[in-house]
Structures are given as C-alpha cells and as structure tokens.
Amino acid sequence: MGSDNKPAKAGPLHRVATFLALSFWIFGLLFMSLWWIVDLFLLPRWPLLAVSMLTFKVLLLAAPLSIEPPSFVQRFLRFSMVAAGDYFPVTIVWEGEEADYEKGPFVIGYEPHSVLPQGICVFCPYSADVVPAGLKDTRILVSSAGFWAPVMRHMWWWLGCRPVSRQCFQTLLRKGRSVAVCPGGVKECIYMQRGQEVAYLRKRHGFVRLALQAGAPLVPVFCFGQTDLYSYCRLFFDWPKHLIPRAQWASFVRRIGYVPMLVWGWCGSFMPKQVPMYIVVGKPIAVPRIEEPSQEQVQEYLDKFIASMERLFREHKKAAGHESAMLTIY
C-alpha cells in the first residue's frame, strides 16, 4: 500500500501562509522557551513589567490542556499538515496492507529524531486521512520539556502530542490508542552527524517492554530526508568545539530534556529546507502479551525491531533517492 502527496501549484499568498505555518513550530517553541530568560534581563530595570510577564506565563501554563481548541486553531493545524505534505513533499510507503494495521493498539517507532522529527506528524489526528483506519487514533509522545513553553504546550497537545512518560505510554495503550514515539529521543541529537543517518536504539528497552506488557505490535518507521531539513550548531559541543566532554554534555542534556542548539533552515530562517521526505512504514512486528517480560525477552524483540529498521533503510534508500546514505545505530 502506498501513499503520495504531490506538490500543488500555489500562489504567492499560499506560499507566504505555508512559510509562516511551517516556521511557527520551530520559532514558536524557541521563542516561548526563551521568553522565561527575557524576564530575568527585564527584572532589574523594569520589575513591574517582568513580574507581569511572568504572571501571564504562569497563568498560561495553568490553563487546562483539555480545553477544546478554537476553530481557527483547528484550521491552522489542518493547514499546517496539508501544507507540509505539499511543501517537502512527503511520500508515504506502507509495506503492509491496510488490514495489517487494523488490530491495534500499536507502538510505532519512528526514526531518525534529527533536529525535530517533523515527519512523525503524519500520525497525528490532523493527518489521519493519510493513514489506515487502524492508526487514526494515534498519539505522539514527545519530550516533556516542550510542555513548559506557554502557548506551544497547548498547540502540541491539540496536534495530538503527549509528554513522554511510562504512565502516559501505558494509559494510552490501555485505552486502545496507538502511540508513536521516536525511541532515540533527544539523546539521538548528541550522536547525529552531518551527512549521515543516526539512530540511538541499542539501549532503548523501555518502549519494547511496554509494548510486550500491552501485547501491542511494534511498527518500525524510517524517514529519509528528515535529517536534512535543518542545519544546526550544538552549543558547547559543536561550538566552542567540544568545550564540554560528550559524557558530561549528555548528562546535562538528560537533565534538562532537550539539546541546546542553534537551528536554521531555508535561507537562515526557521522555515525547514525543501527536502523531499520519504517515509517507509514497515509491517507490524507481532509481540506476545507478557505482564512481566524478562530482560532476555525484551532484548529479543528490540533486536527484531532494530533488524527491521536496518532492512527498511537498506531496501528503500535507493527508491528514496538516498542510495549512498549510511545508517549508524548506536
């Protein structure tokens, strides 16, 4: 089963709207995160303004995530997903038939993470028309750090994202909802290299353990082109070069939940580069339901997942236009 999104002819206004919509997700996250730091600079000179801004942000964080998104936000989310599919463009290849993705819930393992795993959004509710019926109620698990950014936390929630945690993972599967997660997570950003595909999987046992406990099949997904959407500079690692040793830098990243880096796309803007994304969705890997899986059982199915991911990459890289690409799995 295959699915292609072909780029449509668009006028100037549509191109401007696409630019703003796709830039929003990186710009908004960085701006709202740095907004906290702005208060510290304003506090000595304009304490009333700083306290007012801080209070406003706290109120935004206190607003319940369960509120319904306004209609204009729903239109924006839908437009963002459709515009992204046309802009890159995005091609989705399903190795299985539609019936293979019916009996869920599933645990979808998406790679690579790169700067921002934008391609994983094909599994969000606003892109549901491009996925089989059995995957339409999928939730995307992302770093909880993003949920500390005012405004953006609600946008991510409405898009179908949830903060990644064991409890959230288990609850979603228990409710019969499939989950999509990038197992490598932000740790992968530490190992990513320019001109090479990188996945951090060999020590990622947690998502496999939870899949076994729920009896949820594992679905390997690899996105070609994802790595080239943005350029980046990891602070204190790429520049100044290795100012902090990798081990200490990795420990710091784990504590804060994200990798501090400068990110830029098309012409130095927050607009991602127009690089075709070729997303390959593998056949589900059936797993038994085991309440307390042993380490050996978890390792067995992690090995199967990694082998399937390597096969996806090897067999589809030519069709994706990345014939000379290499994949390193840590």
Protein backbone atom coordinates (compact mmCIF):
# COMPACT_ATOMS: atom_id res chain seq x y z
CA MET A 1 0.00 0.00 0.00
CA GLY A 2 1.48 3.37 -0.96
CA SER A 3 0.52 7.00 -0.49
CA ASP A 4 1.95 10.05 -2.25
CA ASN A 5 1.38 13.73 -1.59
CA LYS A 6 2.20 15.65 -4.76
CA PRO A 7 3.12 19.32 -4.56
CA ALA A 8 0.31 21.52 -5.81
CA LYS A 9 0.66 24.78 -7.71
CA ALA A 10 0.23 27.65 -5.27
CA GLY A 11 0.02 31.42 -5.50
CA PRO A 12 2.06 33.98 -3.52
CA LEU A 13 -0.41 34.19 -0.63
CA HIS A 14 -0.43 30.42 -0.20
CA ARG A 15 3.38 30.35 -0.22
CA VAL A 16 3.50 33.07 2.46
CA ALA A 17 0.95 31.18 4.56
CA THR A 18 2.99 27.99 4.17
CA PHE A 19 6.16 29.83 5.21
CA LEU A 20 4.51 31.18 8.38
CA ALA A 21 2.80 27.89 9.26
CA LEU A 22 5.88 25.70 8.93
CA SER A 23 8.19 28.27 10.58
CA PHE A 24 5.83 28.54 13.54
CA TRP A 25 6.67 25.15 15.03
CA ILE A 26 10.39 25.86 15.48
CA PHE A 27 10.17 29.63 16.03
CA GLY A 28 7.29 29.34 18.48
CA LEU A 29 8.99 26.68 20.57
CA LEU A 30 12.28 28.60 20.77
CA PHE A 31 10.63 31.97 21.37
CA MET A 32 8.30 30.74 24.09
CA SER A 33 11.14 28.87 25.80
CA LEU A 34 13.46 31.90 25.73
CA TRP A 35 10.65 34.13 27.00
CA TRP A 36 11.50 32.98 30.51
CA ILE A 37 15.06 34.27 30.13
CA VAL A 38 13.81 37.66 28.92
CA ASP A 39 12.14 38.18 32.29
CA LEU A 40 15.48 37.84 34.07
CA PHE A 41 17.00 40.61 31.95
CA LEU A 42 13.99 42.88 32.47
CA LEU A 43 13.70 42.31 36.22
CA PRO A 44 16.45 44.73 37.45
CA ARG A 45 15.29 47.69 35.31
CA TRP A 46 11.57 47.09 34.81
CA PRO A 47 10.49 44.83 37.70
CA LEU A 48 6.77 45.50 37.26
CA LEU A 49 6.85 44.53 33.59
CA ALA A 50 8.94 41.43 34.31
CA VAL A 51 6.63 40.28 37.10
CA SER A 52 3.56 40.93 34.93
CA MET A 53 5.01 38.87 32.07
CA LEU A 54 5.99 36.09 34.45
CA THR A 55 2.49 36.04 35.95
CA PHE A 56 0.95 35.92 32.49
CA LYS A 57 3.09 32.92 31.52
CA VAL A 58 2.22 31.10 34.74
CA LEU A 59 -1.48 31.63 34.01
CA LEU A 60 -0.98 30.23 30.51
CA LEU A 61 0.74 27.17 31.98
CA ALA A 62 -2.11 26.74 34.45
CA ALA A 63 -4.74 26.69 31.69
CA PRO A 64 -6.04 23.10 31.35
CA LEU A 65 -4.83 21.22 28.29
CA SER A 66 -8.20 19.52 27.95
CA ILE A 67 -9.97 22.65 26.67
CA GLU A 68 -11.19 22.43 23.10
CA PRO A 69 -9.08 24.26 20.51
CA PRO A 70 -10.77 27.28 18.91
CA SER A 71 -11.97 26.74 15.35
CA PHE A 72 -9.24 28.98 13.90
CA VAL A 73 -6.59 26.85 15.65
CA GLN A 74 -8.12 23.70 14.21
CA ARG A 75 -7.97 25.25 10.74
CA PHE A 76 -4.34 26.25 11.32
CA LEU A 77 -3.38 22.74 12.43
CA ARG A 78 -5.07 21.18 9.43
CA PHE A 79 -3.45 23.70 7.09
CA SER A 80 0.00 23.06 8.61
CA MET A 81 -0.24 19.34 7.99
CA VAL A 82 -1.54 19.68 4.43
CA ALA A 83 0.98 22.44 3.60
CA ALA A 84 3.86 20.32 4.92
CA GLY A 85 2.81 17.38 2.78
CA ASP A 86 2.85 19.58 -0.32
CA TYR A 87 5.93 21.63 0.54
CA PHE A 88 8.60 18.99 1.07
CA PRO A 89 6.80 16.95 -0.47
CA VAL A 90 6.04 13.90 1.68
CA THR A 91 5.77 10.39 0.26
CA ILE A 92 4.50 7.56 2.48
CA VAL A 93 5.17 3.93 1.62
CA TRP A 94 3.36 1.19 3.53
CA GLU A 95 4.99 -2.23 3.40
CA GLY A 96 1.87 -3.89 4.73
CA GLU A 97 -1.72 -3.93 3.55
CA GLU A 98 -4.38 -1.88 5.32
CA ALA A 99 -5.57 -5.00 7.16
CA ASP A 100 -2.12 -5.36 8.76
CA TYR A 101 -2.68 -2.12 10.68
CA GLU A 102 -6.20 -2.84 11.95
CA LYS A 103 -5.71 -4.87 15.12
CA GLY A 104 -4.07 -2.40 17.48
CA PRO A 105 -3.12 -0.64 19.51
CA PHE A 106 0.37 -0.37 18.02
CA VAL A 107 3.68 1.03 19.22
CA ILE A 108 5.11 2.99 16.30
CA GLY A 109 8.88 3.51 16.49
CA TYR A 110 9.89 6.43 14.26
CA GLU A 111 13.46 7.24 13.25
CA PRO A 112 15.51 9.35 12.95
CA HIS A 113 14.93 12.10 15.50
CA SER A 114 17.35 14.63 13.96
CA VAL A 115 16.75 18.26 15.00
CA LEU A 116 12.99 17.85 15.07
CA PRO A 117 11.19 14.69 13.89
CA GLN A 118 8.58 16.55 11.87
CA GLY A 119 7.68 13.54 9.74
CA ILE A 120 6.18 11.78 12.76
CA CYS A 121 3.24 14.19 12.44
CA VAL A 122 1.80 12.00 9.67
CA PHE A 123 0.37 10.00 12.58
CA CYS A 124 -1.36 12.98 14.24
CA PRO A 125 -5.19 13.31 14.12
CA TYR A 126 -4.96 16.20 11.63
CA SER A 127 -3.16 13.94 9.15
CA ALA A 128 -5.47 10.98 9.73
CA ASP A 129 -6.54 10.86 6.10
CA VAL A 130 -3.10 9.56 5.07
CA VAL A 131 -3.01 6.59 7.47
CA PRO A 132 -5.02 3.35 7.64
CA ALA A 133 -8.17 3.35 9.75
CA GLY A 134 -6.47 1.34 12.49
CA LEU A 135 -3.94 4.13 13.13
CA LYS A 136 -6.26 7.14 13.06
CA ASP A 137 -6.43 7.43 16.85
CA THR A 138 -2.67 7.60 17.38
CA ARG A 139 -0.98 9.88 19.92
CA ILE A 140 2.58 11.15 19.52
CA LEU A 141 4.86 11.05 22.57
CA VAL A 142 7.32 13.96 22.77
CA SER A 143 9.79 15.41 25.27
CA SER A 144 8.02 16.89 28.29
CA ALA A 145 10.34 19.93 28.05
CA GLY A 146 8.14 21.33 25.27
CA PHE A 147 5.18 21.43 27.63
CA TRP A 148 6.88 24.12 29.71
CA ALA A 149 6.58 26.58 26.81
CA PRO A 150 3.43 28.73 27.12
CA VAL A 151 1.06 28.62 24.14
CA MET A 152 3.14 25.93 22.42
CA ARG A 153 2.17 23.36 25.04
CA HIS A 154 -1.46 23.73 24.00
CA MET A 155 -0.58 23.67 20.30
CA TRP A 156 1.37 20.43 20.74
CA TRP A 157 -1.46 18.92 22.80
CA TRP A 158 -4.10 19.84 20.21
CA LEU A 159 -1.88 18.42 17.49
CA GLY A 160 -2.10 15.05 19.27
CA CYS A 161 1.20 15.13 21.20
CA ARG A 162 1.55 13.93 24.77
CA PRO A 163 4.52 14.21 27.17
CA VAL A 164 6.53 11.02 27.04
CA SER A 165 6.41 9.06 30.29
CA ARG A 166 5.84 5.47 31.30
CA GLN A 167 2.46 6.28 32.81
CA CYS A 168 1.22 8.15 29.73
CA PHE A 169 2.52 5.38 27.46
CA GLN A 170 0.69 2.68 29.44
CA THR A 171 -2.52 4.70 29.79
CA LEU A 172 -2.80 5.32 26.05
CA LEU A 173 -2.23 1.66 25.18
CA ARG A 174 -4.73 0.62 27.86
CA LYS A 175 -7.33 2.88 26.21
CA GLY A 176 -6.65 1.18 22.88
CA ARG A 177 -4.82 4.13 21.34
CA SER A 178 -1.68 3.55 19.32
CA VAL A 179 1.38 5.57 20.28
CA ALA A 180 4.08 6.96 18.01
CA VAL A 181 7.44 7.63 19.59
CA CYS A 182 10.98 8.33 18.47
CA PRO A 183 12.88 5.82 20.65
CA GLY A 184 16.20 7.60 20.17
CA GLY A 185 14.72 10.78 21.58
CA VAL A 186 16.83 13.85 22.31
CA LYS A 187 19.76 11.53 23.10
CA GLU A 188 19.99 10.97 19.36
CA CYS A 189 20.76 14.67 18.86
CA ILE A 190 24.03 14.11 20.72
CA TYR A 191 25.15 11.45 18.24
CA MET A 192 23.78 12.86 14.98
CA GLN A 193 26.40 13.69 12.35
CA ARG A 194 26.18 15.77 9.21
CA GLY A 195 25.87 13.67 6.08
CA GLN A 196 24.97 10.50 7.99
CA GLU A 197 21.80 8.88 9.31
CA VAL A 198 21.97 8.08 13.01
CA ALA A 199 19.61 6.18 15.31
CA TYR A 200 20.09 5.57 19.04
CA LEU A 201 18.33 2.28 19.72
CA ARG A 202 20.53 -0.39 21.26
CA LYS A 203 19.93 0.77 24.84
CA ARG A 204 16.30 1.75 24.32
CA HIS A 205 14.49 -1.13 26.02
CA GLY A 206 11.62 0.81 27.58
CA PHE A 207 9.31 1.14 24.57
CA VAL A 208 9.73 -2.57 23.79
CA ARG A 209 8.98 -3.57 27.39
CA LEU A 210 5.77 -1.50 27.38
CA ALA A 211 4.75 -2.99 24.02
CA LEU A 212 5.19 -6.50 25.42
CA GLN A 213 3.20 -5.69 28.54
CA ALA A 214 0.31 -4.48 26.37
CA GLY A 215 0.76 -7.07 23.62
CA ALA A 216 0.98 -4.14 21.16
CA PRO A 217 2.74 -4.90 17.85
CA LEU A 218 5.85 -2.84 17.07
CA VAL A 219 5.77 -0.82 13.85
CA PRO A 220 9.19 0.34 12.56
CA VAL A 221 9.20 3.60 10.59
CA PHE A 222 12.12 5.30 8.85
CA CYS A 223 12.01 8.76 7.28
CA PHE A 224 14.53 9.57 4.54
CA GLY A 225 15.25 13.29 4.20
CA GLN A 226 14.34 14.14 7.80
CA THR A 227 17.99 14.76 8.72
CA ASP A 228 18.44 17.44 6.04
CA LEU A 229 15.53 19.72 6.97
CA TYR A 230 17.61 21.94 9.28
CA SER A 231 21.20 22.96 9.87
CA TYR A 232 22.30 23.15 13.48
CA CYS A 233 25.05 24.07 15.89
CA ARG A 234 25.04 22.34 19.28
CA LEU A 235 26.17 24.87 21.86
CA PHE A 236 29.32 23.97 23.80
CA PHE A 237 29.74 20.86 21.65
CA ASP A 238 29.94 21.92 18.00
CA TRP A 239 30.88 25.43 19.12
CA PRO A 240 33.03 26.01 21.02
CA LYS A 241 34.31 22.66 19.76
CA HIS A 242 33.97 20.00 22.49
CA LEU A 243 34.18 22.63 25.24
CA ILE A 244 32.30 20.10 27.36
CA PRO A 245 33.20 16.38 27.03
CA ARG A 246 30.47 14.26 25.41
CA ALA A 247 29.68 12.32 28.61
CA GLN A 248 29.18 15.46 30.71
CA TRP A 249 27.27 17.18 27.93
CA ALA A 250 24.99 14.14 27.56
CA SER A 251 24.32 14.16 31.31
CA PHE A 252 23.35 17.84 31.14
CA VAL A 253 21.04 17.22 28.18
CA ARG A 254 19.34 14.36 30.01
CA ARG A 255 18.62 16.63 32.98
CA ILE A 256 17.04 19.48 31.01
CA GLY A 257 15.23 17.24 28.49
CA TYR A 258 16.48 18.87 25.29
CA VAL A 259 19.69 19.68 23.40
CA PRO A 260 20.66 23.40 23.44
CA MET A 261 21.39 24.27 19.83
CA LEU A 262 21.07 26.96 17.22
CA VAL A 263 18.78 25.85 14.40
CA TRP A 264 18.18 27.34 10.95
CA GLY A 265 16.56 26.19 7.76
CA TRP A 266 15.85 27.80 4.38
CA CYS A 267 17.98 30.94 3.87
CA GLY A 268 18.83 31.04 7.57
CA SER A 269 15.17 31.24 8.61
CA PHE A 270 13.06 28.90 10.74
CA MET A 271 11.43 27.57 7.57
CA PRO A 272 12.57 23.97 7.03
CA LYS A 273 14.53 23.33 3.86
CA GLN A 274 12.51 21.97 0.94
CA VAL A 275 13.85 18.43 1.09
CA PRO A 276 11.56 15.56 -0.03
CA MET A 277 10.65 13.25 2.85
CA TYR A 278 10.19 9.57 2.05
CA ILE A 279 8.56 7.79 4.98
CA VAL A 280 8.59 3.99 4.99
CA VAL A 281 6.22 2.23 7.38
CA GLY A 282 7.18 -1.39 7.97
CA LYS A 283 4.89 -4.31 8.66
CA PRO A 284 3.94 -4.67 12.32
CA ILE A 285 6.12 -6.99 14.38
CA ALA A 286 3.79 -9.20 16.40
CA VAL A 287 4.64 -9.46 20.09
CA PRO A 288 3.18 -11.70 22.82
CA ARG A 289 1.45 -10.14 25.79
CA ILE A 290 3.70 -10.64 28.81
CA GLU A 291 2.92 -8.84 32.07
CA GLU A 292 6.48 -9.13 33.39
CA PRO A 293 8.80 -9.68 30.41
CA SER A 294 12.32 -10.78 31.21
CA GLN A 295 15.34 -8.83 30.03
CA GLU A 296 16.05 -11.58 27.53
CA GLN A 297 12.54 -11.31 26.05
CA VAL A 298 12.80 -7.52 25.81
CA GLN A 299 16.20 -7.82 24.13
CA GLU A 300 14.84 -10.39 21.67
CA TYR A 301 12.15 -8.04 20.38
CA LEU A 302 14.41 -5.00 20.47
CA ASP A 303 16.81 -6.93 18.23
CA LYS A 304 13.92 -7.75 15.88
CA PHE A 305 12.92 -4.09 15.77
CA ILE A 306 16.48 -2.95 15.01
CA ALA A 307 16.88 -5.62 12.32
CA SER A 308 13.62 -4.50 10.72
CA MET A 309 14.72 -0.84 10.84
CA GLU A 310 18.04 -1.73 9.18
CA ARG A 311 16.19 -3.67 6.49
CA LEU A 312 13.80 -0.77 5.82
CA PHE A 313 16.76 1.53 5.36
CA ARG A 314 18.70 -0.88 3.17
CA GLU A 315 15.82 -1.88 0.88
CA HIS A 316 14.24 1.56 0.39
CA LYS A 317 17.14 4.01 0.32
CA LYS A 318 17.53 3.77 -3.47
CA ALA A 319 13.85 4.48 -4.15
CA ALA A 320 14.04 7.34 -1.64
CA GLY A 321 16.90 8.93 -3.57
CA HIS A 322 19.49 8.24 -0.85
CA GLU A 323 21.33 5.31 -2.42
CA SER A 324 24.73 6.28 -0.98
CA ALA A 325 23.41 7.01 2.52
CA MET A 326 24.75 5.12 5.53
CA LEU A 327 22.91 4.32 8.76
CA THR A 328 24.69 4.04 12.11
CA ILE A 329 22.73 2.58 15.01
CA TYR A 330 24.16 3.22 18.48
